[in-house]
N, C-alpha and C. Protein backbone atom coordinates (compact mmCIF):
# COMPACT_ATOMS: atom_id res chain seq x y z
N MET A 1 -35.50 32.56 18.97
CA MET A 1 -34.69 32.31 17.81
C MET A 1 -34.81 30.82 17.45
N THR A 2 -35.06 30.57 16.20
CA THR A 2 -35.20 29.19 15.72
C THR A 2 -33.90 28.78 15.05
N ILE A 3 -33.42 27.65 15.45
CA ILE A 3 -32.21 27.10 14.83
C ILE A 3 -32.63 25.96 13.96
N THR A 4 -32.27 26.07 12.72
CA THR A 4 -32.54 24.96 11.81
C THR A 4 -31.26 24.15 11.61
N THR A 5 -31.45 22.90 11.59
CA THR A 5 -30.28 22.04 11.36
C THR A 5 -30.44 21.36 10.01
N THR A 6 -29.37 21.24 9.36
CA THR A 6 -29.36 20.46 8.14
C THR A 6 -28.36 19.36 8.30
N SER A 7 -28.74 18.24 7.80
CA SER A 7 -27.79 17.12 7.93
C SER A 7 -26.71 17.25 6.84
N VAL A 8 -25.54 16.85 7.23
CA VAL A 8 -24.43 16.87 6.29
C VAL A 8 -24.59 15.65 5.42
N ARG A 9 -24.47 15.87 4.11
CA ARG A 9 -24.59 14.77 3.19
C ARG A 9 -23.28 14.60 2.43
N LYS A 10 -22.88 13.42 2.33
CA LYS A 10 -21.67 13.09 1.55
C LYS A 10 -22.14 12.68 0.17
N HIS A 11 -21.51 13.24 -0.84
CA HIS A 11 -21.83 12.85 -2.20
C HIS A 11 -20.84 11.78 -2.65
N LEU A 12 -21.29 10.58 -2.82
CA LEU A 12 -20.46 9.52 -3.34
C LEU A 12 -20.61 9.47 -4.85
N THR A 13 -19.58 9.03 -5.50
CA THR A 13 -19.61 8.94 -6.94
C THR A 13 -19.24 7.54 -7.39
N ASP A 14 -19.47 7.26 -8.64
CA ASP A 14 -19.10 5.96 -9.17
C ASP A 14 -18.10 6.15 -10.30
N ILE A 15 -17.64 5.05 -10.86
CA ILE A 15 -16.59 5.09 -11.85
C ILE A 15 -16.98 5.89 -13.11
N THR A 16 -18.25 5.81 -13.50
CA THR A 16 -18.71 6.54 -14.69
C THR A 16 -18.62 8.03 -14.47
N GLU A 17 -19.14 8.51 -13.34
CA GLU A 17 -19.08 9.93 -13.03
C GLU A 17 -17.63 10.37 -12.83
N TRP A 18 -16.83 9.55 -12.19
CA TRP A 18 -15.42 9.83 -11.96
C TRP A 18 -14.69 10.06 -13.26
N GLN A 19 -14.93 9.19 -14.25
CA GLN A 19 -14.27 9.32 -15.54
C GLN A 19 -14.77 10.58 -16.28
N LYS A 20 -16.05 10.90 -16.16
CA LYS A 20 -16.56 12.12 -16.80
C LYS A 20 -15.96 13.37 -16.17
N LEU A 21 -15.79 13.37 -14.86
CA LEU A 21 -15.14 14.51 -14.19
C LEU A 21 -13.71 14.69 -14.68
N GLY A 22 -13.01 13.58 -14.86
CA GLY A 22 -11.65 13.65 -15.36
C GLY A 22 -11.57 14.17 -16.78
N GLU A 23 -12.48 13.68 -17.64
CA GLU A 23 -12.52 14.11 -19.05
C GLU A 23 -12.88 15.58 -19.15
N ALA A 24 -13.66 16.10 -18.22
CA ALA A 24 -14.08 17.51 -18.24
C ALA A 24 -13.04 18.43 -17.62
N ASN A 25 -11.90 17.87 -17.21
CA ASN A 25 -10.82 18.66 -16.61
C ASN A 25 -11.29 19.46 -15.38
N ILE A 26 -12.12 18.84 -14.56
CA ILE A 26 -12.64 19.48 -13.34
C ILE A 26 -11.52 19.65 -12.30
N PHE A 27 -10.59 18.70 -12.27
CA PHE A 27 -9.56 18.71 -11.26
C PHE A 27 -8.35 19.52 -11.70
N PRO A 28 -7.69 20.20 -10.77
CA PRO A 28 -6.49 20.98 -11.12
C PRO A 28 -5.40 20.06 -11.70
N PRO A 29 -4.62 20.57 -12.65
CA PRO A 29 -3.54 19.76 -13.22
C PRO A 29 -2.57 19.30 -12.11
N GLY A 30 -2.15 18.08 -12.23
CA GLY A 30 -1.19 17.52 -11.24
C GLY A 30 -1.84 17.03 -9.97
N SER A 31 -3.17 17.10 -9.88
CA SER A 31 -3.85 16.59 -8.67
C SER A 31 -3.59 15.09 -8.54
N ARG A 32 -3.36 14.65 -7.33
CA ARG A 32 -3.20 13.23 -7.04
C ARG A 32 -4.46 12.73 -6.37
N LEU A 33 -5.41 12.33 -7.20
CA LEU A 33 -6.71 11.92 -6.71
C LEU A 33 -6.95 10.43 -6.98
N GLU A 34 -7.66 9.80 -6.07
CA GLU A 34 -8.04 8.40 -6.23
C GLU A 34 -9.52 8.25 -5.84
N LEU A 35 -10.20 7.35 -6.52
CA LEU A 35 -11.58 7.02 -6.16
C LEU A 35 -11.52 5.77 -5.28
N ILE A 36 -11.91 5.93 -4.01
CA ILE A 36 -11.87 4.82 -3.05
C ILE A 36 -13.25 4.71 -2.41
N GLU A 37 -13.92 3.58 -2.64
CA GLU A 37 -15.24 3.32 -2.09
C GLU A 37 -16.23 4.48 -2.33
N GLY A 38 -16.17 5.05 -3.52
CA GLY A 38 -17.09 6.09 -3.91
C GLY A 38 -16.68 7.50 -3.51
N GLU A 39 -15.59 7.64 -2.77
CA GLU A 39 -15.10 8.95 -2.34
C GLU A 39 -13.88 9.36 -3.16
N ILE A 40 -13.82 10.62 -3.54
CA ILE A 40 -12.67 11.15 -4.23
C ILE A 40 -11.72 11.65 -3.16
N LEU A 41 -10.55 11.02 -3.10
CA LEU A 41 -9.58 11.34 -2.05
C LEU A 41 -8.35 12.01 -2.67
N GLU A 42 -7.89 13.06 -2.04
CA GLU A 42 -6.68 13.73 -2.49
C GLU A 42 -5.51 13.15 -1.73
N MET A 43 -4.55 12.62 -2.46
CA MET A 43 -3.40 11.99 -1.84
C MET A 43 -2.30 13.03 -1.67
N ALA A 44 -1.43 12.78 -0.69
CA ALA A 44 -0.32 13.70 -0.43
C ALA A 44 0.66 13.71 -1.59
N PRO A 45 1.34 14.83 -1.81
CA PRO A 45 2.34 14.89 -2.87
C PRO A 45 3.46 13.88 -2.59
N ILE A 46 4.07 13.41 -3.67
CA ILE A 46 5.15 12.44 -3.54
C ILE A 46 6.47 13.16 -3.30
N GLY A 47 7.11 12.81 -2.20
CA GLY A 47 8.41 13.38 -1.87
C GLY A 47 9.54 12.65 -2.58
N SER A 48 10.74 13.16 -2.48
CA SER A 48 11.88 12.55 -3.19
C SER A 48 12.22 11.14 -2.68
N ASN A 49 12.11 10.91 -1.37
CA ASN A 49 12.40 9.59 -0.84
C ASN A 49 11.38 8.55 -1.36
N HIS A 50 10.13 8.93 -1.37
CA HIS A 50 9.06 8.08 -1.90
C HIS A 50 9.33 7.79 -3.37
N ALA A 51 9.60 8.82 -4.16
CA ALA A 51 9.83 8.68 -5.60
C ALA A 51 11.07 7.82 -5.86
N GLY A 52 12.11 8.03 -5.07
CA GLY A 52 13.34 7.25 -5.24
C GLY A 52 13.12 5.77 -5.02
N HIS A 53 12.27 5.42 -4.04
CA HIS A 53 11.98 3.99 -3.79
C HIS A 53 11.19 3.39 -4.94
N ILE A 54 10.30 4.16 -5.55
CA ILE A 54 9.56 3.66 -6.70
C ILE A 54 10.52 3.42 -7.88
N LYS A 55 11.46 4.35 -8.06
CA LYS A 55 12.46 4.17 -9.12
C LYS A 55 13.33 2.94 -8.86
N ARG A 56 13.68 2.74 -7.59
CA ARG A 56 14.49 1.56 -7.23
C ARG A 56 13.72 0.26 -7.54
N LEU A 57 12.44 0.23 -7.19
CA LEU A 57 11.61 -0.94 -7.51
C LEU A 57 11.55 -1.17 -9.02
N ASN A 58 11.30 -0.09 -9.76
CA ASN A 58 11.20 -0.18 -11.21
C ASN A 58 12.50 -0.72 -11.81
N ASN A 59 13.60 -0.20 -11.37
CA ASN A 59 14.90 -0.61 -11.91
C ASN A 59 15.15 -2.12 -11.65
N LEU A 60 14.92 -2.55 -10.44
CA LEU A 60 15.20 -3.95 -10.08
C LEU A 60 14.18 -4.90 -10.73
N LEU A 61 12.90 -4.60 -10.57
CA LEU A 61 11.89 -5.56 -11.03
C LEU A 61 11.73 -5.58 -12.55
N SER A 62 12.07 -4.51 -13.22
CA SER A 62 12.01 -4.55 -14.69
C SER A 62 13.02 -5.56 -15.26
N THR A 63 14.14 -5.70 -14.58
CA THR A 63 15.15 -6.68 -15.00
C THR A 63 14.74 -8.10 -14.59
N LEU A 64 14.31 -8.26 -13.36
CA LEU A 64 13.98 -9.59 -12.83
C LEU A 64 12.75 -10.22 -13.46
N THR A 65 11.80 -9.38 -13.88
CA THR A 65 10.52 -9.93 -14.38
C THR A 65 10.32 -9.73 -15.88
N PHE A 66 11.37 -9.33 -16.59
CA PHE A 66 11.25 -9.04 -18.02
C PHE A 66 10.63 -10.25 -18.74
N GLY A 67 9.56 -9.99 -19.49
CA GLY A 67 8.87 -11.04 -20.24
C GLY A 67 7.94 -11.90 -19.41
N LYS A 68 7.92 -11.70 -18.08
CA LYS A 68 7.07 -12.51 -17.21
C LYS A 68 5.92 -11.70 -16.62
N ALA A 69 6.06 -10.39 -16.59
CA ALA A 69 5.04 -9.53 -16.01
C ALA A 69 5.14 -8.14 -16.65
N ILE A 70 4.07 -7.38 -16.52
CA ILE A 70 4.04 -5.99 -16.99
C ILE A 70 4.14 -5.10 -15.76
N LEU A 71 5.09 -4.17 -15.79
CA LEU A 71 5.26 -3.22 -14.70
C LEU A 71 4.28 -2.07 -14.89
N SER A 72 3.68 -1.64 -13.81
CA SER A 72 2.70 -0.55 -13.83
C SER A 72 3.01 0.39 -12.67
N ILE A 73 3.27 1.65 -12.99
CA ILE A 73 3.64 2.63 -11.96
C ILE A 73 2.59 3.76 -11.95
N LYS A 74 1.96 3.93 -10.78
CA LYS A 74 0.98 5.02 -10.59
C LYS A 74 -0.14 5.00 -11.64
N ASP A 75 -0.55 3.82 -12.05
CA ASP A 75 -1.63 3.67 -13.03
C ASP A 75 -2.92 3.25 -12.33
N PRO A 76 -4.07 3.56 -12.93
CA PRO A 76 -5.33 3.16 -12.33
C PRO A 76 -5.51 1.64 -12.28
N LEU A 77 -6.16 1.18 -11.22
CA LEU A 77 -6.53 -0.22 -11.02
C LEU A 77 -8.03 -0.23 -10.78
N ARG A 78 -8.78 -0.80 -11.69
CA ARG A 78 -10.24 -0.83 -11.59
C ARG A 78 -10.65 -1.98 -10.68
N LEU A 79 -11.11 -1.65 -9.46
CA LEU A 79 -11.50 -2.68 -8.51
C LEU A 79 -13.00 -2.91 -8.48
N SER A 80 -13.76 -1.86 -8.71
CA SER A 80 -15.23 -1.97 -8.70
C SER A 80 -15.80 -0.71 -9.32
N ASP A 81 -17.11 -0.60 -9.30
CA ASP A 81 -17.77 0.62 -9.78
C ASP A 81 -17.53 1.80 -8.86
N LEU A 82 -16.97 1.55 -7.68
CA LEU A 82 -16.75 2.61 -6.70
C LEU A 82 -15.28 2.85 -6.36
N SER A 83 -14.38 2.02 -6.88
CA SER A 83 -12.99 2.15 -6.47
C SER A 83 -12.03 2.01 -7.68
N GLU A 84 -11.20 3.02 -7.83
CA GLU A 84 -10.14 2.98 -8.84
C GLU A 84 -8.89 3.66 -8.27
N PRO A 85 -8.19 2.97 -7.38
CA PRO A 85 -6.96 3.56 -6.82
C PRO A 85 -5.84 3.57 -7.88
N GLU A 86 -4.78 4.27 -7.55
CA GLU A 86 -3.58 4.29 -8.41
C GLU A 86 -2.39 3.87 -7.54
N PRO A 87 -2.21 2.55 -7.40
CA PRO A 87 -1.11 2.07 -6.56
C PRO A 87 0.24 2.59 -7.05
N ASP A 88 1.20 2.67 -6.15
CA ASP A 88 2.51 3.13 -6.51
C ASP A 88 3.15 2.22 -7.54
N PHE A 89 2.95 0.90 -7.39
CA PHE A 89 3.65 -0.04 -8.26
C PHE A 89 2.84 -1.34 -8.30
N MET A 90 2.74 -1.91 -9.50
CA MET A 90 2.12 -3.23 -9.65
C MET A 90 2.91 -4.07 -10.65
N LEU A 91 2.90 -5.36 -10.43
CA LEU A 91 3.30 -6.32 -11.43
C LEU A 91 2.00 -6.98 -11.90
N LEU A 92 1.78 -6.91 -13.20
CA LEU A 92 0.55 -7.41 -13.80
C LEU A 92 0.81 -8.64 -14.67
N LYS A 93 -0.20 -9.46 -14.83
CA LYS A 93 -0.10 -10.61 -15.75
C LYS A 93 0.13 -10.07 -17.15
N PRO A 94 0.92 -10.81 -17.95
CA PRO A 94 1.13 -10.38 -19.34
C PRO A 94 -0.20 -10.21 -20.06
N ASN A 95 -0.25 -9.22 -20.94
CA ASN A 95 -1.45 -8.90 -21.69
C ASN A 95 -0.98 -8.42 -23.07
N ASP A 96 -1.54 -8.99 -24.14
CA ASP A 96 -1.09 -8.68 -25.49
C ASP A 96 -1.09 -7.19 -25.83
N ASP A 97 -2.10 -6.46 -25.36
CA ASP A 97 -2.14 -5.03 -25.70
C ASP A 97 -1.65 -4.14 -24.56
N PHE A 98 -0.99 -4.76 -23.57
CA PHE A 98 -0.42 -4.02 -22.43
C PHE A 98 -1.48 -3.15 -21.73
N TYR A 99 -2.70 -3.64 -21.68
CA TYR A 99 -3.81 -2.98 -20.99
C TYR A 99 -4.15 -1.62 -21.63
N SER A 100 -3.96 -1.50 -22.92
CA SER A 100 -4.30 -0.24 -23.58
C SER A 100 -5.79 -0.16 -23.93
N SER A 101 -6.52 -1.27 -23.87
CA SER A 101 -7.96 -1.26 -24.17
C SER A 101 -8.82 -1.19 -22.91
N ARG A 102 -8.19 -1.37 -21.73
CA ARG A 102 -8.89 -1.31 -20.46
C ARG A 102 -7.87 -1.17 -19.34
N HIS A 103 -8.35 -0.64 -18.21
CA HIS A 103 -7.48 -0.65 -17.04
C HIS A 103 -7.44 -2.05 -16.45
N PRO A 104 -6.32 -2.43 -15.85
CA PRO A 104 -6.27 -3.72 -15.21
C PRO A 104 -7.24 -3.78 -14.03
N ASN A 105 -7.65 -5.02 -13.68
CA ASN A 105 -8.51 -5.22 -12.52
C ASN A 105 -7.77 -6.16 -11.56
N ALA A 106 -8.42 -6.49 -10.47
CA ALA A 106 -7.78 -7.30 -9.42
C ALA A 106 -7.26 -8.64 -9.94
N ASP A 107 -7.96 -9.26 -10.88
CA ASP A 107 -7.55 -10.54 -11.41
C ASP A 107 -6.25 -10.47 -12.20
N ASP A 108 -5.88 -9.27 -12.63
CA ASP A 108 -4.65 -9.08 -13.42
C ASP A 108 -3.42 -8.87 -12.55
N VAL A 109 -3.60 -8.64 -11.27
CA VAL A 109 -2.49 -8.27 -10.39
C VAL A 109 -1.75 -9.49 -9.85
N LEU A 110 -0.45 -9.48 -10.02
CA LEU A 110 0.42 -10.48 -9.40
C LEU A 110 0.97 -9.97 -8.09
N LEU A 111 1.32 -8.68 -8.05
CA LEU A 111 1.88 -8.06 -6.87
C LEU A 111 1.53 -6.57 -6.92
N LEU A 112 1.09 -6.04 -5.77
CA LEU A 112 0.77 -4.64 -5.65
C LEU A 112 1.61 -4.06 -4.53
N ILE A 113 2.26 -2.90 -4.81
CA ILE A 113 3.13 -2.29 -3.80
C ILE A 113 2.72 -0.85 -3.59
N GLU A 114 2.56 -0.47 -2.31
CA GLU A 114 2.40 0.93 -1.94
C GLU A 114 3.65 1.33 -1.18
N VAL A 115 4.19 2.50 -1.47
CA VAL A 115 5.31 3.07 -0.76
C VAL A 115 4.72 4.11 0.19
N ALA A 116 5.00 3.99 1.48
CA ALA A 116 4.30 4.82 2.47
C ALA A 116 5.26 5.54 3.39
N ASP A 117 5.05 6.84 3.44
CA ASP A 117 5.68 7.67 4.48
C ASP A 117 4.54 8.45 5.11
N SER A 118 4.10 9.53 4.51
CA SER A 118 2.98 10.30 5.08
C SER A 118 1.65 9.57 5.00
N SER A 119 1.51 8.59 4.12
CA SER A 119 0.26 7.85 3.95
C SER A 119 0.23 6.52 4.70
N LEU A 120 1.19 6.30 5.60
CA LEU A 120 1.36 5.00 6.23
C LEU A 120 0.09 4.47 6.88
N CYS A 121 -0.55 5.26 7.71
CA CYS A 121 -1.74 4.82 8.42
C CYS A 121 -2.87 4.45 7.43
N PHE A 122 -3.05 5.28 6.42
CA PHE A 122 -4.08 5.03 5.40
C PHE A 122 -3.79 3.74 4.66
N ASP A 123 -2.52 3.52 4.29
CA ASP A 123 -2.15 2.33 3.53
C ASP A 123 -2.22 1.07 4.38
N GLN A 124 -1.97 1.18 5.69
CA GLN A 124 -2.04 0.01 6.60
C GLN A 124 -3.48 -0.34 6.98
N ASN A 125 -4.40 0.56 6.72
CA ASN A 125 -5.79 0.32 7.13
C ASN A 125 -6.72 0.32 5.94
N GLU A 126 -7.07 1.50 5.42
CA GLU A 126 -8.05 1.56 4.34
C GLU A 126 -7.60 0.85 3.07
N LYS A 127 -6.39 1.13 2.64
CA LYS A 127 -5.92 0.45 1.39
C LYS A 127 -5.78 -1.04 1.62
N LEU A 128 -5.29 -1.46 2.78
CA LEU A 128 -5.13 -2.89 3.07
C LEU A 128 -6.49 -3.57 2.96
N ARG A 129 -7.51 -3.00 3.61
CA ARG A 129 -8.85 -3.62 3.58
C ARG A 129 -9.39 -3.65 2.16
N LEU A 130 -9.19 -2.57 1.41
CA LEU A 130 -9.66 -2.49 0.03
C LEU A 130 -9.03 -3.59 -0.81
N TYR A 131 -7.72 -3.74 -0.71
CA TYR A 131 -7.02 -4.73 -1.53
C TYR A 131 -7.38 -6.14 -1.11
N ALA A 132 -7.55 -6.39 0.18
CA ALA A 132 -7.96 -7.73 0.66
C ALA A 132 -9.37 -8.05 0.14
N ARG A 133 -10.26 -7.09 0.26
CA ARG A 133 -11.66 -7.27 -0.18
C ARG A 133 -11.75 -7.65 -1.65
N HIS A 134 -10.81 -7.16 -2.44
CA HIS A 134 -10.82 -7.44 -3.88
C HIS A 134 -9.83 -8.55 -4.28
N ASN A 135 -9.36 -9.29 -3.29
CA ASN A 135 -8.50 -10.48 -3.50
C ASN A 135 -7.22 -10.21 -4.24
N ILE A 136 -6.57 -9.09 -3.93
CA ILE A 136 -5.21 -8.87 -4.45
C ILE A 136 -4.35 -9.92 -3.78
N PRO A 137 -3.68 -10.76 -4.57
CA PRO A 137 -3.00 -11.92 -3.95
C PRO A 137 -1.82 -11.59 -3.05
N GLU A 138 -1.14 -10.49 -3.36
CA GLU A 138 0.04 -10.13 -2.57
C GLU A 138 0.17 -8.62 -2.55
N TYR A 139 0.20 -8.04 -1.35
CA TYR A 139 0.29 -6.60 -1.13
C TYR A 139 1.54 -6.33 -0.29
N TRP A 140 2.43 -5.53 -0.87
CA TRP A 140 3.61 -5.12 -0.14
C TRP A 140 3.46 -3.67 0.24
N LEU A 141 3.76 -3.36 1.48
CA LEU A 141 3.74 -1.99 1.97
C LEU A 141 5.17 -1.63 2.36
N MET A 142 5.79 -0.78 1.56
CA MET A 142 7.14 -0.32 1.88
C MET A 142 6.99 0.80 2.92
N ASN A 143 7.19 0.43 4.17
CA ASN A 143 7.04 1.33 5.28
C ASN A 143 8.35 2.11 5.47
N LEU A 144 8.38 3.32 4.92
CA LEU A 144 9.60 4.13 4.96
C LEU A 144 9.85 4.70 6.35
N LYS A 145 8.82 4.87 7.15
CA LYS A 145 8.98 5.41 8.51
C LYS A 145 9.75 4.43 9.41
N ASP A 146 9.42 3.14 9.29
CA ASP A 146 10.05 2.12 10.14
C ASP A 146 11.12 1.33 9.38
N CYS A 147 11.39 1.72 8.14
CA CYS A 147 12.41 1.08 7.28
C CYS A 147 12.21 -0.43 7.24
N CYS A 148 11.00 -0.83 6.83
CA CYS A 148 10.70 -2.25 6.70
C CYS A 148 9.75 -2.47 5.55
N LEU A 149 9.62 -3.72 5.17
CA LEU A 149 8.66 -4.13 4.14
C LEU A 149 7.62 -5.02 4.80
N GLU A 150 6.36 -4.58 4.77
CA GLU A 150 5.26 -5.38 5.29
C GLU A 150 4.66 -6.16 4.14
N VAL A 151 4.65 -7.46 4.22
CA VAL A 151 4.17 -8.33 3.15
C VAL A 151 2.87 -8.98 3.61
N TYR A 152 1.82 -8.77 2.81
CA TYR A 152 0.50 -9.31 3.12
C TYR A 152 0.10 -10.31 2.04
N ARG A 153 -0.32 -11.50 2.46
CA ARG A 153 -0.74 -12.57 1.55
C ARG A 153 -1.99 -13.23 2.09
N GLN A 154 -2.62 -14.05 1.27
CA GLN A 154 -3.82 -14.80 1.63
C GLN A 154 -5.00 -13.86 1.98
N PRO A 155 -5.48 -13.12 0.98
CA PRO A 155 -6.61 -12.21 1.25
C PRO A 155 -7.90 -12.96 1.50
N HIS A 156 -8.68 -12.43 2.43
CA HIS A 156 -10.04 -12.93 2.67
C HIS A 156 -10.81 -11.83 3.39
N ASP A 157 -12.04 -11.62 2.96
CA ASP A 157 -12.88 -10.59 3.51
C ASP A 157 -12.14 -9.23 3.49
N ASP A 158 -11.97 -8.60 4.67
CA ASP A 158 -11.33 -7.28 4.73
C ASP A 158 -9.91 -7.35 5.29
N CYS A 159 -9.30 -8.54 5.25
CA CYS A 159 -7.95 -8.65 5.82
C CYS A 159 -7.13 -9.66 5.04
N PHE A 160 -5.90 -9.79 5.42
CA PHE A 160 -5.00 -10.80 4.84
C PHE A 160 -4.67 -11.80 5.94
N GLY A 161 -4.61 -13.07 5.57
CA GLY A 161 -4.35 -14.12 6.55
C GLY A 161 -2.91 -14.19 6.99
N GLU A 162 -2.02 -13.64 6.17
CA GLU A 162 -0.59 -13.71 6.51
C GLU A 162 0.05 -12.35 6.39
N LYS A 163 0.78 -11.96 7.45
CA LYS A 163 1.57 -10.74 7.43
C LYS A 163 2.99 -11.06 7.89
N THR A 164 3.96 -10.60 7.09
CA THR A 164 5.36 -10.78 7.43
C THR A 164 6.04 -9.43 7.35
N THR A 165 6.87 -9.12 8.32
CA THR A 165 7.62 -7.87 8.30
C THR A 165 9.10 -8.20 8.04
N LEU A 166 9.64 -7.61 6.97
CA LEU A 166 11.01 -7.88 6.58
C LEU A 166 11.86 -6.62 6.67
N ARG A 167 13.13 -6.81 6.93
CA ARG A 167 14.07 -5.68 7.06
C ARG A 167 15.31 -5.98 6.24
N VAL A 168 16.20 -4.99 6.15
CA VAL A 168 17.46 -5.16 5.47
C VAL A 168 18.18 -6.38 6.05
N GLY A 169 18.67 -7.24 5.18
CA GLY A 169 19.27 -8.51 5.63
C GLY A 169 18.36 -9.69 5.31
N ASP A 170 17.05 -9.42 5.16
CA ASP A 170 16.09 -10.46 4.80
C ASP A 170 15.96 -10.53 3.29
N SER A 171 15.25 -11.58 2.83
CA SER A 171 14.94 -11.68 1.40
C SER A 171 13.52 -12.21 1.28
N ILE A 172 12.94 -12.08 0.09
CA ILE A 172 11.59 -12.55 -0.16
C ILE A 172 11.53 -13.17 -1.55
N THR A 173 10.71 -14.20 -1.67
CA THR A 173 10.48 -14.86 -2.94
C THR A 173 9.12 -14.47 -3.48
N LEU A 174 9.10 -14.08 -4.76
CA LEU A 174 7.84 -13.73 -5.40
C LEU A 174 7.12 -15.00 -5.77
N SER A 175 6.11 -15.33 -5.00
CA SER A 175 5.43 -16.63 -5.15
C SER A 175 4.73 -16.77 -6.49
N HIS A 176 4.30 -15.67 -7.10
CA HIS A 176 3.53 -15.76 -8.34
C HIS A 176 4.41 -15.60 -9.58
N LEU A 177 5.74 -15.56 -9.40
CA LEU A 177 6.62 -15.37 -10.54
C LEU A 177 7.82 -16.32 -10.51
N ASN A 178 7.53 -17.59 -10.49
CA ASN A 178 8.55 -18.64 -10.61
C ASN A 178 9.70 -18.49 -9.63
N GLY A 179 9.40 -18.10 -8.43
CA GLY A 179 10.40 -18.09 -7.40
C GLY A 179 11.50 -17.05 -7.49
N ILE A 180 11.27 -15.92 -8.08
CA ILE A 180 12.25 -14.83 -8.12
C ILE A 180 12.46 -14.35 -6.68
N THR A 181 13.72 -14.27 -6.27
CA THR A 181 14.04 -13.86 -4.90
C THR A 181 14.67 -12.46 -4.92
N ILE A 182 14.23 -11.63 -3.97
CA ILE A 182 14.71 -10.25 -3.86
C ILE A 182 15.29 -10.04 -2.49
N ASN A 183 16.48 -9.43 -2.45
CA ASN A 183 17.07 -9.01 -1.16
C ASN A 183 16.40 -7.70 -0.77
N ILE A 184 15.92 -7.62 0.44
CA ILE A 184 15.24 -6.41 0.92
C ILE A 184 16.15 -5.20 0.84
N SER A 185 17.46 -5.39 1.02
CA SER A 185 18.39 -4.26 0.94
C SER A 185 18.43 -3.65 -0.45
N ASP A 186 17.99 -4.39 -1.46
CA ASP A 186 17.96 -3.85 -2.84
C ASP A 186 16.78 -2.90 -3.08
N ILE A 187 15.76 -2.97 -2.23
CA ILE A 187 14.60 -2.09 -2.44
C ILE A 187 14.36 -1.11 -1.31
N LEU A 188 14.94 -1.34 -0.13
CA LEU A 188 14.79 -0.38 0.96
C LEU A 188 16.01 0.44 1.02
């Protein structure tokens, strides 16, 4: 008996093909998909706790940053020809057309936030490296499992030079937005 082996091949895609697939309605409605390093990844559904924390962020930061930043929730972020994640929350630099002529890129980001429960390991590793590699200046990971906020600053290569873990009772200052201070208890 002859056994033939075939190698497994991964098909990577780029932003052009990704957009064509979306326009052709290839994906089921409501799919939570992201293009990360050429791979189409299906993200876990958003639970009520996760969604509630995004709403809490939106409510607080829309007031604190009004006229200073554009809030972006679950919108595409164009990082390269191979990566277009949809972060849970971003504060973007002001833009006259509110990014209606293009998706924002890494240079437009003031703050990027991922809310993590089931995706915690992925967000602490793959997403962290992706955001550092593209020089996202400040990455917050709302770690719902451990009830803390992981703050990453000073991106270089595949990591961040500074990591701070904050809990209820702590506060943080938004370094890129004129010193706005947030009590962690207001977002966790």
